[in-house]
Amino acid sequence: MQPSFVIFSMIIVFAFLMLFVVMAGPLTALFKFIIRSFIGAGIIYLCNIVFSPFNIYIGVNVLTACIVGFLGIPGLGSLIIISRILDM
């Protein structure tokens, strides 16, 4: 094996490790956002069950799940208010 190939291989491995270290933060934030969106979809589903006697329904889709996942309870409240306004 030639020394230049070994040095080139070491540089490539080092570059991939540095790329992994740099991207670890944004990937962690992305996974956290995805998990919160799934939890938001579950919360919307539970609210649809609880508020069904009052004719309050929120569609469970990617957008509403992301809103509740990102904003939390205020996002759920705003979706309920928007659904009530659009029903009238």
C-alpha atoms as a PDB file:
ATOM      1  CA  MET A   1       0.000   0.000   0.000  1.00  0.00           C
ATOM      2  CA  GLN A   2       1.343   3.378  -0.944  1.00  0.00           C
ATOM      3  CA  PRO A   3       1.873   6.012   1.746  1.00  0.00           C
ATOM      4  CA  SER A   4      -0.118   8.585  -0.220  1.00  0.00           C
ATOM      5  CA  PHE A   5      -3.179   6.277  -0.219  1.00  0.00           C
ATOM      6  CA  VAL A   6      -2.915   5.809   3.548  1.00  0.00           C
ATOM      7  CA  ILE A   7      -2.650   9.561   4.140  1.00  0.00           C
ATOM      8  CA  PHE A   8      -5.583  10.221   1.776  1.00  0.00           C
ATOM      9  CA  SER A   9      -7.668   7.580   3.584  1.00  0.00           C
ATOM     10  CA  MET A  10      -6.861   9.126   6.958  1.00  0.00           C
ATOM     11  CA  ILE A  11      -7.889  12.566   5.675  1.00  0.00           C
ATOM     12  CA  ILE A  12     -11.202  11.184   4.345  1.00  0.00           C
ATOM     13  CA  VAL A  13     -11.960   9.412   7.650  1.00  0.00           C
ATOM     14  CA  PHE A  14     -11.100  12.584   9.584  1.00  0.00           C
ATOM     15  CA  ALA A  15     -13.372  14.665   7.306  1.00  0.00           C
ATOM     16  CA  PHE A  16     -16.303  12.279   7.846  1.00  0.00           C
ATOM     17  CA  LEU A  17     -15.767  12.344  11.610  1.00  0.00           C
ATOM     18  CA  MET A  18     -15.700  16.137  11.610  1.00  0.00           C
ATOM     19  CA  LEU A  19     -18.868  16.218   9.483  1.00  0.00           C
ATOM     20  CA  PHE A  20     -20.562  13.882  11.954  1.00  0.00           C
ATOM     21  CA  VAL A  21     -19.529  16.055  14.910  1.00  0.00           C
ATOM     22  CA  VAL A  22     -20.753  19.230  13.195  1.00  0.00           C
ATOM     23  CA  MET A  23     -24.091  17.664  12.172  1.00  0.00           C
ATOM     24  CA  ALA A  24     -24.771  16.008  15.553  1.00  0.00           C
ATOM     25  CA  GLY A  25     -26.456  19.112  16.996  1.00  0.00           C
ATOM     26  CA  PRO A  26     -28.930  19.759  14.169  1.00  0.00           C
ATOM     27  CA  LEU A  27     -29.728  16.040  13.863  1.00  0.00           C
ATOM     28  CA  THR A  28     -30.512  15.868  17.572  1.00  0.00           C
ATOM     29  CA  ALA A  29     -32.832  18.864  17.246  1.00  0.00           C
ATOM     30  CA  LEU A  30     -34.521  17.283  14.222  1.00  0.00           C
ATOM     31  CA  PHE A  31     -35.131  13.991  16.028  1.00  0.00           C
ATOM     32  CA  LYS A  32     -36.473  15.863  19.063  1.00  0.00           C
ATOM     33  CA  PHE A  33     -38.872  17.800  16.796  1.00  0.00           C
ATOM     34  CA  ILE A  34     -40.066  14.572  15.145  1.00  0.00           C
ATOM     35  CA  ILE A  35     -40.714  12.930  18.511  1.00  0.00           C
ATOM     36  CA  ARG A  36     -42.587  16.015  19.755  1.00  0.00           C
ATOM     37  CA  SER A  37     -44.695  15.992  16.579  1.00  0.00           C
ATOM     38  CA  PHE A  38     -45.731  12.383  17.201  1.00  0.00           C
ATOM     39  CA  ILE A  39     -46.637  13.293  20.773  1.00  0.00           C
ATOM     40  CA  GLY A  40     -48.566  16.303  19.434  1.00  0.00           C
ATOM     41  CA  ALA A  41     -50.573  14.013  17.134  1.00  0.00           C
ATOM     42  CA  GLY A  42     -51.444  11.847  20.142  1.00  0.00           C
ATOM     43  CA  ILE A  43     -52.507  14.873  22.149  1.00  0.00           C
ATOM     44  CA  ILE A  44     -54.741  16.060  19.294  1.00  0.00           C
ATOM     45  CA  TYR A  45     -56.309  12.613  19.090  1.00  0.00           C
ATOM     46  CA  LEU A  46     -56.987  12.601  22.848  1.00  0.00           C
ATOM     47  CA  CYS A  47     -58.465  16.112  22.684  1.00  0.00           C
ATOM     48  CA  ASN A  48     -60.756  14.994  19.874  1.00  0.00           C
ATOM     49  CA  ILE A  49     -62.026  12.205  22.124  1.00  0.00           C
ATOM     50  CA  VAL A  50     -62.442  14.451  25.175  1.00  0.00           C
ATOM     51  CA  PHE A  51     -64.011  17.427  23.348  1.00  0.00           C
ATOM     52  CA  SER A  52     -66.275  15.447  21.008  1.00  0.00           C
ATOM     53  CA  PRO A  53     -69.394  16.115  23.165  1.00  0.00           C
ATOM     54  CA  PHE A  54     -68.791  19.844  22.593  1.00  0.00           C
ATOM     55  CA  ASN A  55     -68.418  19.441  18.786  1.00  0.00           C
ATOM     56  CA  ILE A  56     -64.770  20.471  18.848  1.00  0.00           C
ATOM     57  CA  TYR A  57     -62.628  18.529  16.397  1.00  0.00           C
ATOM     58  CA  ILE A  58     -59.127  19.160  15.134  1.00  0.00           C
ATOM     59  CA  GLY A  59     -57.872  17.309  12.092  1.00  0.00           C
ATOM     60  CA  VAL A  60     -54.903  15.085  12.839  1.00  0.00           C
ATOM     61  CA  ASN A  61     -52.396  15.739  10.059  1.00  0.00           C
ATOM     62  CA  VAL A  62     -48.744  16.610   9.714  1.00  0.00           C
ATOM     63  CA  LEU A  63     -49.259  20.370   9.947  1.00  0.00           C
ATOM     64  CA  THR A  64     -51.383  20.325  13.094  1.00  0.00           C
ATOM     65  CA  ALA A  65     -49.125  17.737  14.733  1.00  0.00           C
ATOM     66  CA  CYS A  66     -46.086  19.910  14.017  1.00  0.00           C
ATOM     67  CA  ILE A  67     -47.862  22.996  15.385  1.00  0.00           C
ATOM     68  CA  VAL A  68     -48.738  21.233  18.640  1.00  0.00           C
ATOM     69  CA  GLY A  69     -45.303  19.596  18.774  1.00  0.00           C
ATOM     70  CA  PHE A  70     -43.539  22.928  18.331  1.00  0.00           C
ATOM     71  CA  LEU A  71     -45.801  25.245  20.367  1.00  0.00           C
ATOM     72  CA  GLY A  72     -47.216  22.786  22.908  1.00  0.00           C
ATOM     73  CA  ILE A  73     -50.391  23.683  24.812  1.00  0.00           C
ATOM     74  CA  PRO A  74     -50.638  27.227  23.363  1.00  0.00           C
ATOM     75  CA  GLY A  75     -50.521  25.694  19.888  1.00  0.00           C
ATOM     76  CA  LEU A  76     -53.318  23.298  20.820  1.00  0.00           C
ATOM     77  CA  GLY A  77     -55.366  26.183  22.196  1.00  0.00           C
ATOM     78  CA  SER A  78     -54.858  28.205  19.038  1.00  0.00           C
ATOM     79  CA  LEU A  79     -55.931  25.255  16.885  1.00  0.00           C
ATOM     80  CA  ILE A  80     -59.080  24.845  18.985  1.00  0.00           C
ATOM     81  CA  ILE A  81     -59.876  28.552  18.626  1.00  0.00           C
ATOM     82  CA  ILE A  82     -59.231  28.437  14.875  1.00  0.00           C
ATOM     83  CA  SER A  83     -61.455  25.370  14.480  1.00  0.00           C
ATOM     84  CA  ARG A  84     -64.262  27.080  16.415  1.00  0.00           C
ATOM     85  CA  ILE A  85     -63.947  30.257  14.317  1.00  0.00           C
ATOM     86  CA  LEU A  86     -64.016  28.313  11.051  1.00  0.00           C
ATOM     87  CA  ASP A  87     -67.067  26.291  12.169  1.00  0.00           C
ATOM     88  CA  MET A  88     -69.199  29.396  12.690  1.00  0.00           C
END
